[in-house]
C-alpha cells in the first residue's frame, strides 16, 4: 500500500472514509494542487476503493471528494514530469503534481477497473485541455527546457492567460558501466 504519510490508521482519515462507506486506503501522499489562479497549494491526496480525496495537510480535513465512478480519465505529458490532470466531466478538473505519480495512476487505474469493468482512459500528450469550472476550458502545454536540470516549473503563458506552460528539465544520464 502506498501510504507515504503513514496516516491510513489516523482517526480523522477513518472518519472521512466511514462517512462515505469506504474503508480501504490504497494510496496517500503529499501533492501540489494547482488551482484555477495557477497558485500551488499543498495538499494530501488519498485514494480509497471508491474515491479520490483532496485533504488539507496537517488537519487532514476534507476539501473535495471525487468519486471514482465520476472520473472521466487522466491526462499526462510524454515528458519526465510529475504533473497530471484528473478529468471529472460532471464537475471540474484538477491539476496535481505528485512525486509518486506512477504509483497513484496505477492504483487509481486498478480501482477504476474494479468499479467500471473497463480501463481508465489515460491520455499522453504534450498539450491538452482541462476545465476549471463546469464550462470554462483552459489548456496546459509541456516543453523541454535543458537549462532545468532534473526539475520542472510552470508559468502562465504571457500571450494566453488560459494556458499554463510547464517547462521540463532533462534527466541526467547515469551510465551503468
N, C-alpha and C. Protein backbone atom coordinates (compact mmCIF):
# COMPACT_ATOMS: atom_id res chain seq x y z
N UNK A 1 0.84 -1.18 0.00
CA UNK A 1 0.00 0.00 0.00
C UNK A 1 0.88 1.24 0.00
N UNK A 2 0.51 2.25 -0.76
CA UNK A 2 1.28 3.47 -0.87
C UNK A 2 0.86 4.53 0.14
N UNK A 3 1.00 4.24 1.42
CA UNK A 3 0.69 5.21 2.47
C UNK A 3 1.99 5.92 2.85
N UNK A 4 2.39 6.86 2.02
CA UNK A 4 3.67 7.54 2.20
C UNK A 4 3.70 8.47 3.41
N UNK A 5 2.53 8.81 3.93
CA UNK A 5 2.46 9.70 5.09
C UNK A 5 2.12 8.96 6.37
N UNK A 6 1.89 7.68 6.25
CA UNK A 6 1.55 6.81 7.39
C UNK A 6 0.37 7.38 8.18
N UNK A 7 -0.71 7.67 7.45
CA UNK A 7 -1.91 8.22 8.08
C UNK A 7 -3.15 7.35 7.88
N UNK A 8 -3.00 6.21 7.23
CA UNK A 8 -4.17 5.37 6.92
C UNK A 8 -4.97 5.00 8.16
N UNK A 9 -4.30 4.84 9.29
CA UNK A 9 -5.00 4.46 10.52
C UNK A 9 -5.39 5.67 11.37
N UNK A 10 -5.07 6.87 10.92
CA UNK A 10 -5.42 8.08 11.65
C UNK A 10 -6.94 8.17 11.79
N UNK A 11 -7.41 8.51 12.97
CA UNK A 11 -8.84 8.57 13.26
C UNK A 11 -9.57 9.55 12.33
N UNK A 12 -8.93 10.66 11.98
CA UNK A 12 -9.55 11.64 11.08
C UNK A 12 -9.79 11.03 9.70
N UNK A 13 -8.84 10.24 9.23
CA UNK A 13 -8.97 9.57 7.93
C UNK A 13 -10.08 8.52 8.02
N UNK A 14 -10.06 7.75 9.07
CA UNK A 14 -11.07 6.70 9.23
C UNK A 14 -12.48 7.27 9.28
N UNK A 15 -12.66 8.44 9.91
CA UNK A 15 -13.97 9.09 9.97
C UNK A 15 -14.43 9.54 8.58
N UNK A 16 -13.51 10.12 7.83
CA UNK A 16 -13.85 10.57 6.46
C UNK A 16 -14.27 9.38 5.61
N UNK A 17 -13.50 8.30 5.69
CA UNK A 17 -13.83 7.11 4.91
C UNK A 17 -15.17 6.51 5.34
N UNK A 18 -15.37 6.37 6.65
CA UNK A 18 -16.60 5.76 7.17
C UNK A 18 -17.83 6.56 6.75
N UNK A 19 -17.71 7.88 6.74
CA UNK A 19 -18.83 8.74 6.34
C UNK A 19 -19.28 8.43 4.91
N UNK A 20 -18.35 7.95 4.09
CA UNK A 20 -18.64 7.65 2.69
C UNK A 20 -18.71 6.15 2.42
N UNK A 21 -18.89 5.37 3.48
CA UNK A 21 -18.98 3.90 3.38
C UNK A 21 -17.77 3.28 2.69
N UNK A 22 -16.60 3.80 3.01
CA UNK A 22 -15.36 3.28 2.47
C UNK A 22 -14.44 2.92 3.63
N UNK A 23 -13.47 2.04 3.36
CA UNK A 23 -12.60 1.62 4.46
C UNK A 23 -11.15 1.38 4.04
N UNK A 24 -10.90 1.23 2.75
CA UNK A 24 -9.54 0.89 2.30
C UNK A 24 -8.79 2.12 1.82
N UNK A 25 -7.57 2.29 2.31
CA UNK A 25 -6.68 3.33 1.81
C UNK A 25 -5.73 2.65 0.83
N UNK A 26 -5.83 3.04 -0.44
CA UNK A 26 -5.00 2.46 -1.49
C UNK A 26 -3.73 3.28 -1.73
N UNK A 27 -3.80 4.58 -1.41
CA UNK A 27 -2.68 5.48 -1.68
C UNK A 27 -2.89 6.75 -0.87
N UNK A 28 -1.81 7.28 -0.31
CA UNK A 28 -1.81 8.59 0.35
C UNK A 28 -0.43 9.20 0.18
N UNK A 29 -0.40 10.47 -0.26
CA UNK A 29 0.87 11.17 -0.34
C UNK A 29 0.62 12.67 -0.39
N UNK A 30 1.65 13.43 -0.13
CA UNK A 30 1.61 14.89 -0.28
C UNK A 30 1.71 15.21 -1.76
N UNK A 31 0.92 16.19 -2.18
CA UNK A 31 0.92 16.63 -3.58
C UNK A 31 0.84 18.15 -3.61
N UNK A 32 1.10 18.69 -4.77
CA UNK A 32 0.79 20.10 -5.02
C UNK A 32 -0.42 20.11 -5.93
N UNK A 33 -1.40 20.92 -5.56
CA UNK A 33 -2.56 21.14 -6.42
C UNK A 33 -2.38 22.51 -7.04
N UNK A 34 -2.60 22.62 -8.33
CA UNK A 34 -2.53 23.92 -8.99
C UNK A 34 -3.96 24.41 -9.17
N UNK A 35 -4.29 25.51 -8.52
CA UNK A 35 -5.67 25.99 -8.56
C UNK A 35 -5.94 26.80 -9.83
N UNK A 36 -7.16 27.29 -9.97
CA UNK A 36 -7.54 27.97 -11.21
C UNK A 36 -6.86 29.31 -11.40
N UNK A 37 -6.21 29.82 -10.35
CA UNK A 37 -5.41 31.05 -10.46
C UNK A 37 -3.93 30.70 -10.64
N UNK A 38 -3.66 29.44 -10.89
CA UNK A 38 -2.31 28.91 -11.12
C UNK A 38 -1.43 28.95 -9.87
N UNK A 39 -2.05 29.06 -8.72
CA UNK A 39 -1.29 29.03 -7.47
C UNK A 39 -1.12 27.59 -7.03
N UNK A 40 0.05 27.28 -6.49
CA UNK A 40 0.33 25.94 -5.99
C UNK A 40 -0.11 25.86 -4.53
N UNK A 41 -0.89 24.83 -4.22
CA UNK A 41 -1.37 24.60 -2.87
C UNK A 41 -0.94 23.22 -2.40
N UNK A 42 -0.39 23.15 -1.21
CA UNK A 42 -0.01 21.86 -0.62
C UNK A 42 -1.27 21.11 -0.22
N UNK A 43 -1.33 19.85 -0.58
CA UNK A 43 -2.49 19.01 -0.26
C UNK A 43 -2.02 17.60 0.08
N UNK A 44 -2.94 16.85 0.65
CA UNK A 44 -2.76 15.42 0.83
C UNK A 44 -3.78 14.76 -0.08
N UNK A 45 -3.32 13.88 -0.95
CA UNK A 45 -4.21 13.15 -1.84
C UNK A 45 -4.34 11.73 -1.31
N UNK A 46 -5.58 11.32 -1.10
CA UNK A 46 -5.88 9.99 -0.60
C UNK A 46 -6.76 9.28 -1.62
N UNK A 47 -6.40 8.06 -1.94
CA UNK A 47 -7.21 7.24 -2.82
C UNK A 47 -7.76 6.07 -2.01
N UNK A 48 -9.08 5.93 -2.03
CA UNK A 48 -9.73 4.79 -1.38
C UNK A 48 -10.29 3.88 -2.47
N UNK A 49 -11.04 2.87 -2.06
CA UNK A 49 -11.60 1.96 -3.05
C UNK A 49 -12.69 2.63 -3.89
N UNK A 50 -13.20 3.80 -3.46
CA UNK A 50 -14.27 4.42 -4.22
C UNK A 50 -14.10 5.90 -4.54
N UNK A 51 -13.07 6.53 -3.99
CA UNK A 51 -12.95 7.98 -4.15
C UNK A 51 -11.50 8.45 -4.13
N UNK A 52 -11.31 9.66 -4.69
CA UNK A 52 -10.07 10.40 -4.54
C UNK A 52 -10.41 11.57 -3.63
N UNK A 53 -9.63 11.72 -2.56
CA UNK A 53 -9.87 12.78 -1.59
C UNK A 53 -8.75 13.81 -1.67
N UNK A 54 -9.14 15.09 -1.67
CA UNK A 54 -8.22 16.21 -1.58
C UNK A 54 -8.35 16.72 -0.15
N UNK A 55 -7.28 16.56 0.64
CA UNK A 55 -7.30 16.92 2.06
C UNK A 55 -6.32 18.04 2.37
N UNK A 56 -6.66 18.83 3.38
CA UNK A 56 -5.72 19.82 3.89
C UNK A 56 -4.63 19.12 4.67
N UNK A 57 -3.37 19.46 4.42
CA UNK A 57 -2.30 18.85 5.21
C UNK A 57 -2.38 19.33 6.66
N UNK A 58 -1.85 18.56 7.57
CA UNK A 58 -1.89 18.93 8.98
C UNK A 58 -3.21 18.52 9.61
N UNK A 59 -4.27 19.22 9.27
CA UNK A 59 -5.60 18.92 9.82
C UNK A 59 -6.21 17.65 9.25
N UNK A 60 -5.80 17.30 8.04
CA UNK A 60 -6.39 16.19 7.28
C UNK A 60 -7.90 16.37 7.14
N UNK A 61 -8.32 17.62 6.95
CA UNK A 61 -9.74 17.90 6.73
C UNK A 61 -10.03 17.84 5.23
N UNK A 62 -11.27 17.53 4.91
CA UNK A 62 -11.68 17.30 3.53
C UNK A 62 -11.92 18.60 2.78
N UNK A 63 -11.27 18.73 1.61
CA UNK A 63 -11.56 19.83 0.68
C UNK A 63 -12.53 19.39 -0.40
N UNK A 64 -12.26 18.24 -0.98
CA UNK A 64 -13.11 17.74 -2.07
C UNK A 64 -12.99 16.23 -2.16
N UNK A 65 -14.08 15.62 -2.47
CA UNK A 65 -14.13 14.18 -2.71
C UNK A 65 -14.61 13.97 -4.14
N UNK A 66 -13.86 13.18 -4.90
CA UNK A 66 -14.25 12.83 -6.26
C UNK A 66 -14.50 11.33 -6.28
N UNK A 67 -15.71 10.94 -6.56
CA UNK A 67 -15.99 9.52 -6.66
C UNK A 67 -15.33 8.97 -7.92
N UNK A 68 -14.71 7.83 -7.80
CA UNK A 68 -14.02 7.23 -8.94
C UNK A 68 -14.98 7.01 -10.10
N UNK A 69 -16.23 6.69 -9.79
CA UNK A 69 -17.21 6.45 -10.86
C UNK A 69 -17.44 7.70 -11.71
N UNK A 70 -17.09 8.90 -11.19
CA UNK A 70 -17.29 10.14 -11.93
C UNK A 70 -16.05 10.62 -12.68
N UNK A 71 -14.94 9.91 -12.55
CA UNK A 71 -13.71 10.31 -13.23
C UNK A 71 -13.77 9.89 -14.69
N UNK A 72 -13.49 10.84 -15.57
CA UNK A 72 -13.53 10.56 -17.00
C UNK A 72 -12.20 10.08 -17.56
N UNK A 73 -11.12 10.34 -16.84
CA UNK A 73 -9.80 9.91 -17.30
C UNK A 73 -8.72 10.80 -16.71
N UNK A 74 -7.49 10.49 -17.08
CA UNK A 74 -6.34 11.27 -16.67
C UNK A 74 -5.58 11.71 -17.91
N UNK A 75 -4.99 12.90 -17.84
CA UNK A 75 -4.12 13.37 -18.91
C UNK A 75 -2.75 13.67 -18.32
N UNK A 76 -1.72 13.27 -19.06
CA UNK A 76 -0.33 13.47 -18.65
C UNK A 76 0.50 13.78 -19.88
N UNK A 77 1.65 14.38 -19.66
CA UNK A 77 2.54 14.65 -20.78
C UNK A 77 3.36 13.38 -21.09
N UNK A 78 4.12 13.46 -22.16
CA UNK A 78 5.02 12.37 -22.52
C UNK A 78 6.41 12.60 -21.92
N UNK A 79 6.55 13.67 -21.16
CA UNK A 79 7.86 14.07 -20.63
C UNK A 79 8.06 13.57 -19.20
N UNK A 80 9.28 13.63 -18.69
CA UNK A 80 9.57 13.14 -17.32
C UNK A 80 9.21 14.18 -16.25
N UNK A 81 7.91 14.41 -16.08
CA UNK A 81 7.43 15.36 -15.08
C UNK A 81 6.43 14.65 -14.16
N UNK A 82 5.98 15.33 -13.14
CA UNK A 82 5.07 14.73 -12.17
C UNK A 82 3.67 15.33 -12.23
N UNK A 83 3.34 16.03 -13.31
CA UNK A 83 2.05 16.68 -13.47
C UNK A 83 1.04 15.70 -14.06
N UNK A 84 -0.22 15.83 -13.63
CA UNK A 84 -1.31 15.11 -14.28
C UNK A 84 -2.63 15.82 -13.99
N UNK A 85 -3.59 15.61 -14.85
CA UNK A 85 -4.92 16.20 -14.69
C UNK A 85 -5.92 15.07 -14.49
N UNK A 86 -6.74 15.22 -13.45
CA UNK A 86 -7.86 14.30 -13.22
C UNK A 86 -9.08 14.98 -13.84
N UNK A 87 -9.67 14.34 -14.86
CA UNK A 87 -10.84 14.90 -15.54
C UNK A 87 -12.11 14.38 -14.88
N UNK A 88 -12.98 15.32 -14.52
CA UNK A 88 -14.27 14.98 -13.90
C UNK A 88 -15.35 15.66 -14.75
N UNK A 89 -15.88 14.97 -15.76
CA UNK A 89 -16.80 15.60 -16.71
C UNK A 89 -18.01 16.30 -16.09
N UNK A 90 -18.55 15.76 -15.02
CA UNK A 90 -19.75 16.35 -14.41
C UNK A 90 -19.43 17.53 -13.50
N UNK A 91 -18.15 17.80 -13.25
CA UNK A 91 -17.76 18.89 -12.36
C UNK A 91 -16.65 19.71 -13.02
N UNK A 92 -15.50 19.74 -12.40
CA UNK A 92 -14.34 20.44 -12.95
C UNK A 92 -13.11 19.57 -12.69
N UNK A 93 -12.03 19.88 -13.38
CA UNK A 93 -10.83 19.04 -13.35
C UNK A 93 -9.83 19.55 -12.30
N UNK A 94 -8.86 18.71 -12.01
CA UNK A 94 -7.81 19.02 -11.05
C UNK A 94 -6.45 18.84 -11.70
N UNK A 95 -5.53 19.76 -11.45
CA UNK A 95 -4.13 19.57 -11.83
C UNK A 95 -3.36 19.26 -10.56
N UNK A 96 -2.65 18.15 -10.57
CA UNK A 96 -1.82 17.75 -9.45
C UNK A 96 -0.37 17.61 -9.90
N UNK A 97 0.53 17.81 -8.96
CA UNK A 97 1.95 17.50 -9.15
C UNK A 97 2.29 16.54 -8.01
N UNK A 98 2.72 15.33 -8.38
CA UNK A 98 2.91 14.28 -7.39
C UNK A 98 4.19 13.51 -7.68
N UNK A 99 5.09 13.47 -6.70
CA UNK A 99 6.36 12.75 -6.85
C UNK A 99 6.15 11.26 -7.10
N UNK A 100 5.04 10.74 -6.61
CA UNK A 100 4.74 9.30 -6.76
C UNK A 100 3.59 9.11 -7.75
N UNK A 101 3.64 9.90 -8.82
CA UNK A 101 2.57 9.89 -9.83
C UNK A 101 2.32 8.50 -10.40
N UNK A 102 3.36 7.79 -10.74
CA UNK A 102 3.19 6.47 -11.36
C UNK A 102 2.42 5.53 -10.45
N UNK A 103 2.76 5.53 -9.17
CA UNK A 103 2.05 4.65 -8.24
C UNK A 103 0.59 5.06 -8.09
N UNK A 104 0.34 6.38 -7.99
CA UNK A 104 -1.05 6.84 -7.89
C UNK A 104 -1.85 6.44 -9.12
N UNK A 105 -1.30 6.69 -10.30
CA UNK A 105 -2.01 6.36 -11.54
C UNK A 105 -2.30 4.86 -11.61
N UNK A 106 -1.35 4.05 -11.21
CA UNK A 106 -1.55 2.59 -11.22
C UNK A 106 -2.67 2.20 -10.25
N UNK A 107 -2.63 2.74 -9.03
CA UNK A 107 -3.64 2.40 -8.03
C UNK A 107 -5.02 2.88 -8.46
N UNK A 108 -5.10 4.10 -9.01
CA UNK A 108 -6.38 4.61 -9.49
C UNK A 108 -6.89 3.78 -10.66
N UNK A 109 -6.01 3.41 -11.57
CA UNK A 109 -6.41 2.58 -12.71
C UNK A 109 -6.99 1.25 -12.25
N UNK A 110 -6.36 0.63 -11.25
CA UNK A 110 -6.86 -0.64 -10.72
C UNK A 110 -8.23 -0.47 -10.07
N UNK A 111 -8.39 0.60 -9.27
CA UNK A 111 -9.69 0.85 -8.61
C UNK A 111 -10.77 1.16 -9.64
N UNK A 112 -10.43 1.93 -10.66
CA UNK A 112 -11.37 2.26 -11.73
C UNK A 112 -11.82 1.00 -12.47
N UNK A 113 -10.86 0.15 -12.78
CA UNK A 113 -11.15 -1.11 -13.47
C UNK A 113 -12.12 -1.96 -12.64
N UNK A 114 -11.91 -2.00 -11.33
CA UNK A 114 -12.79 -2.77 -10.45
C UNK A 114 -14.22 -2.22 -10.48
N UNK A 115 -14.36 -0.90 -10.47
CA UNK A 115 -15.68 -0.28 -10.45
C UNK A 115 -16.37 -0.34 -11.81
N UNK A 116 -15.66 0.02 -12.87
CA UNK A 116 -16.25 0.15 -14.20
C UNK A 116 -16.15 -1.09 -15.09
N UNK A 117 -15.30 -2.02 -14.70
CA UNK A 117 -15.06 -3.23 -15.52
C UNK A 117 -14.50 -2.86 -16.89
N UNK A 118 -13.77 -1.75 -16.94
CA UNK A 118 -13.06 -1.31 -18.15
C UNK A 118 -11.90 -0.44 -17.72
N UNK A 119 -10.89 -0.28 -18.56
CA UNK A 119 -9.72 0.51 -18.16
C UNK A 119 -10.01 2.01 -18.08
N UNK A 120 -9.28 2.66 -17.21
CA UNK A 120 -9.31 4.11 -17.09
C UNK A 120 -8.65 4.71 -18.33
N UNK A 121 -9.25 5.76 -18.87
CA UNK A 121 -8.68 6.45 -20.03
C UNK A 121 -7.46 7.26 -19.59
N UNK A 122 -6.30 6.91 -20.14
CA UNK A 122 -5.05 7.62 -19.87
C UNK A 122 -4.60 8.26 -21.17
N UNK A 123 -4.48 9.59 -21.17
CA UNK A 123 -4.07 10.32 -22.36
C UNK A 123 -2.68 10.88 -22.14
N UNK A 124 -1.78 10.59 -23.06
CA UNK A 124 -0.41 11.09 -23.01
C UNK A 124 -0.18 12.03 -24.19
N UNK A 125 -0.20 13.34 -23.91
CA UNK A 125 0.02 14.36 -24.93
C UNK A 125 0.76 15.51 -24.28
N UNK A 126 1.46 16.29 -25.07
CA UNK A 126 2.21 17.41 -24.53
C UNK A 126 1.43 18.72 -24.55
N UNK A 127 0.16 18.64 -24.91
CA UNK A 127 -0.74 19.78 -24.82
C UNK A 127 -2.16 19.24 -24.76
N UNK A 128 -2.92 19.67 -23.77
CA UNK A 128 -4.30 19.21 -23.66
C UNK A 128 -5.12 20.22 -22.86
N UNK A 129 -6.43 20.04 -22.90
CA UNK A 129 -7.34 20.96 -22.22
C UNK A 129 -7.82 20.38 -20.90
N UNK A 130 -8.28 21.29 -20.03
CA UNK A 130 -8.90 20.89 -18.78
C UNK A 130 -9.91 21.98 -18.39
N UNK A 131 -10.87 21.61 -17.54
CA UNK A 131 -11.92 22.53 -17.11
C UNK A 131 -11.59 23.07 -15.72
N UNK A 132 -11.71 24.39 -15.55
CA UNK A 132 -11.53 24.95 -14.21
C UNK A 132 -12.89 25.20 -13.55
N UNK A 133 -13.91 25.29 -14.35
CA UNK A 133 -15.30 25.37 -13.90
C UNK A 133 -16.07 24.44 -14.83
N UNK A 134 -17.35 24.29 -14.58
CA UNK A 134 -18.11 23.36 -15.42
C UNK A 134 -18.01 23.67 -16.91
N UNK A 135 -17.82 24.95 -17.26
CA UNK A 135 -17.80 25.27 -18.69
C UNK A 135 -16.60 26.08 -19.14
N UNK A 136 -15.67 26.38 -18.25
CA UNK A 136 -14.51 27.19 -18.63
C UNK A 136 -13.31 26.30 -18.93
N UNK A 137 -12.85 26.35 -20.18
CA UNK A 137 -11.79 25.47 -20.65
C UNK A 137 -10.46 26.22 -20.68
N UNK A 138 -9.44 25.60 -20.10
CA UNK A 138 -8.08 26.10 -20.12
C UNK A 138 -7.20 25.04 -20.78
N UNK A 139 -5.94 25.37 -21.01
CA UNK A 139 -5.03 24.38 -21.59
C UNK A 139 -3.72 24.35 -20.83
N UNK A 140 -3.03 23.27 -20.98
CA UNK A 140 -1.71 23.09 -20.38
C UNK A 140 -0.80 22.51 -21.46
N UNK A 141 0.41 23.07 -21.55
CA UNK A 141 1.39 22.61 -22.54
C UNK A 141 2.71 22.33 -21.84
N UNK A 142 3.41 21.34 -22.35
CA UNK A 142 4.69 20.93 -21.78
C UNK A 142 5.79 21.15 -22.82
N UNK A 143 6.91 21.68 -22.36
CA UNK A 143 8.02 21.93 -23.27
C UNK A 143 9.33 21.58 -22.58
N UNK A 144 10.31 21.19 -23.38
CA UNK A 144 11.64 20.89 -22.85
C UNK A 144 12.37 22.18 -22.53
N UNK A 145 13.12 22.15 -21.44
CA UNK A 145 13.98 23.26 -21.07
C UNK A 145 15.26 22.66 -20.51
N UNK A 146 16.27 22.57 -21.36
CA UNK A 146 17.52 21.90 -20.98
C UNK A 146 18.28 22.62 -19.88
N UNK A 147 17.93 23.88 -19.63
CA UNK A 147 18.58 24.61 -18.53
C UNK A 147 18.11 24.13 -17.16
N UNK A 148 16.94 23.52 -17.13
CA UNK A 148 16.39 23.00 -15.87
C UNK A 148 16.87 21.56 -15.70
N UNK A 149 17.86 21.36 -14.90
CA UNK A 149 18.42 20.02 -14.69
C UNK A 149 17.54 19.25 -13.70
N UNK A 150 16.83 18.24 -14.19
CA UNK A 150 16.03 17.36 -13.33
C UNK A 150 14.98 18.13 -12.53
N UNK A 151 14.41 19.18 -13.13
CA UNK A 151 13.39 20.00 -12.47
C UNK A 151 12.28 20.33 -13.46
N UNK A 152 11.19 20.84 -12.90
CA UNK A 152 10.09 21.37 -13.70
C UNK A 152 9.64 22.68 -13.08
N UNK A 153 9.08 23.53 -13.90
CA UNK A 153 8.47 24.76 -13.39
C UNK A 153 7.29 25.08 -14.29
N UNK A 154 6.34 25.81 -13.73
CA UNK A 154 5.19 26.20 -14.56
C UNK A 154 4.94 27.69 -14.43
N UNK A 155 4.35 28.24 -15.49
CA UNK A 155 4.00 29.66 -15.52
C UNK A 155 2.86 29.87 -16.50
N UNK A 156 2.17 30.97 -16.33
CA UNK A 156 1.08 31.33 -17.23
C UNK A 156 1.66 31.87 -18.52
N UNK A 157 1.09 31.46 -19.64
CA UNK A 157 1.50 31.97 -20.95
C UNK A 157 1.21 33.46 -21.00
N UNK A 158 2.20 34.27 -21.31
CA UNK A 158 2.01 35.73 -21.34
C UNK A 158 1.06 36.17 -22.45
N UNK A 159 0.89 35.35 -23.49
CA UNK A 159 0.00 35.70 -24.60
C UNK A 159 -1.41 35.13 -24.43
N UNK A 160 -1.55 34.11 -23.59
CA UNK A 160 -2.85 33.44 -23.41
C UNK A 160 -3.00 33.09 -21.93
N UNK A 161 -3.75 33.88 -21.20
CA UNK A 161 -3.90 33.71 -19.74
C UNK A 161 -4.65 32.43 -19.36
N UNK A 162 -5.19 31.74 -20.35
CA UNK A 162 -5.88 30.48 -20.08
C UNK A 162 -4.98 29.28 -20.42
N UNK A 163 -3.69 29.52 -20.52
CA UNK A 163 -2.76 28.45 -20.87
C UNK A 163 -1.62 28.41 -19.86
N UNK A 164 -1.42 27.24 -19.29
CA UNK A 164 -0.31 27.00 -18.37
C UNK A 164 0.80 26.32 -19.14
N UNK A 165 2.02 26.82 -18.99
CA UNK A 165 3.17 26.21 -19.66
C UNK A 165 4.04 25.56 -18.59
N UNK A 166 4.32 24.29 -18.78
CA UNK A 166 5.20 23.55 -17.88
C UNK A 166 6.51 23.30 -18.60
N UNK A 167 7.58 23.81 -18.03
CA UNK A 167 8.91 23.58 -18.60
C UNK A 167 9.53 22.41 -17.86
N UNK A 168 10.04 21.46 -18.63
CA UNK A 168 10.55 20.21 -18.07
C UNK A 168 12.03 20.10 -18.37
N UNK A 169 12.80 19.94 -17.31
CA UNK A 169 14.25 19.80 -17.45
C UNK A 169 14.65 18.40 -17.85
N UNK A 170 15.89 18.28 -18.22
CA UNK A 170 16.42 16.98 -18.64
C UNK A 170 16.76 16.13 -17.43
N UNK A 171 16.67 14.84 -17.60
CA UNK A 171 17.05 13.90 -16.56
C UNK A 171 18.50 13.50 -16.83
N UNK A 172 19.36 13.60 -15.83
CA UNK A 172 20.76 13.24 -16.06
C UNK A 172 20.90 11.76 -16.43
N UNK A 173 21.74 11.51 -17.36
CA UNK A 173 22.01 10.14 -17.79
C UNK A 173 23.03 9.52 -16.84
N UNK A 174 22.72 8.34 -16.37
CA UNK A 174 23.64 7.63 -15.47
C UNK A 174 24.11 6.37 -16.19
N UNK A 175 25.40 6.26 -16.36
CA UNK A 175 25.97 5.10 -17.02
C UNK A 175 25.98 3.91 -16.07
N UNK A 176 25.68 2.74 -16.59
CA UNK A 176 25.68 1.53 -15.77
C UNK A 176 26.97 0.72 -15.99
N UNK A 177 27.91 1.29 -16.72
CA UNK A 177 29.16 0.59 -17.00
C UNK A 177 30.15 0.75 -15.87
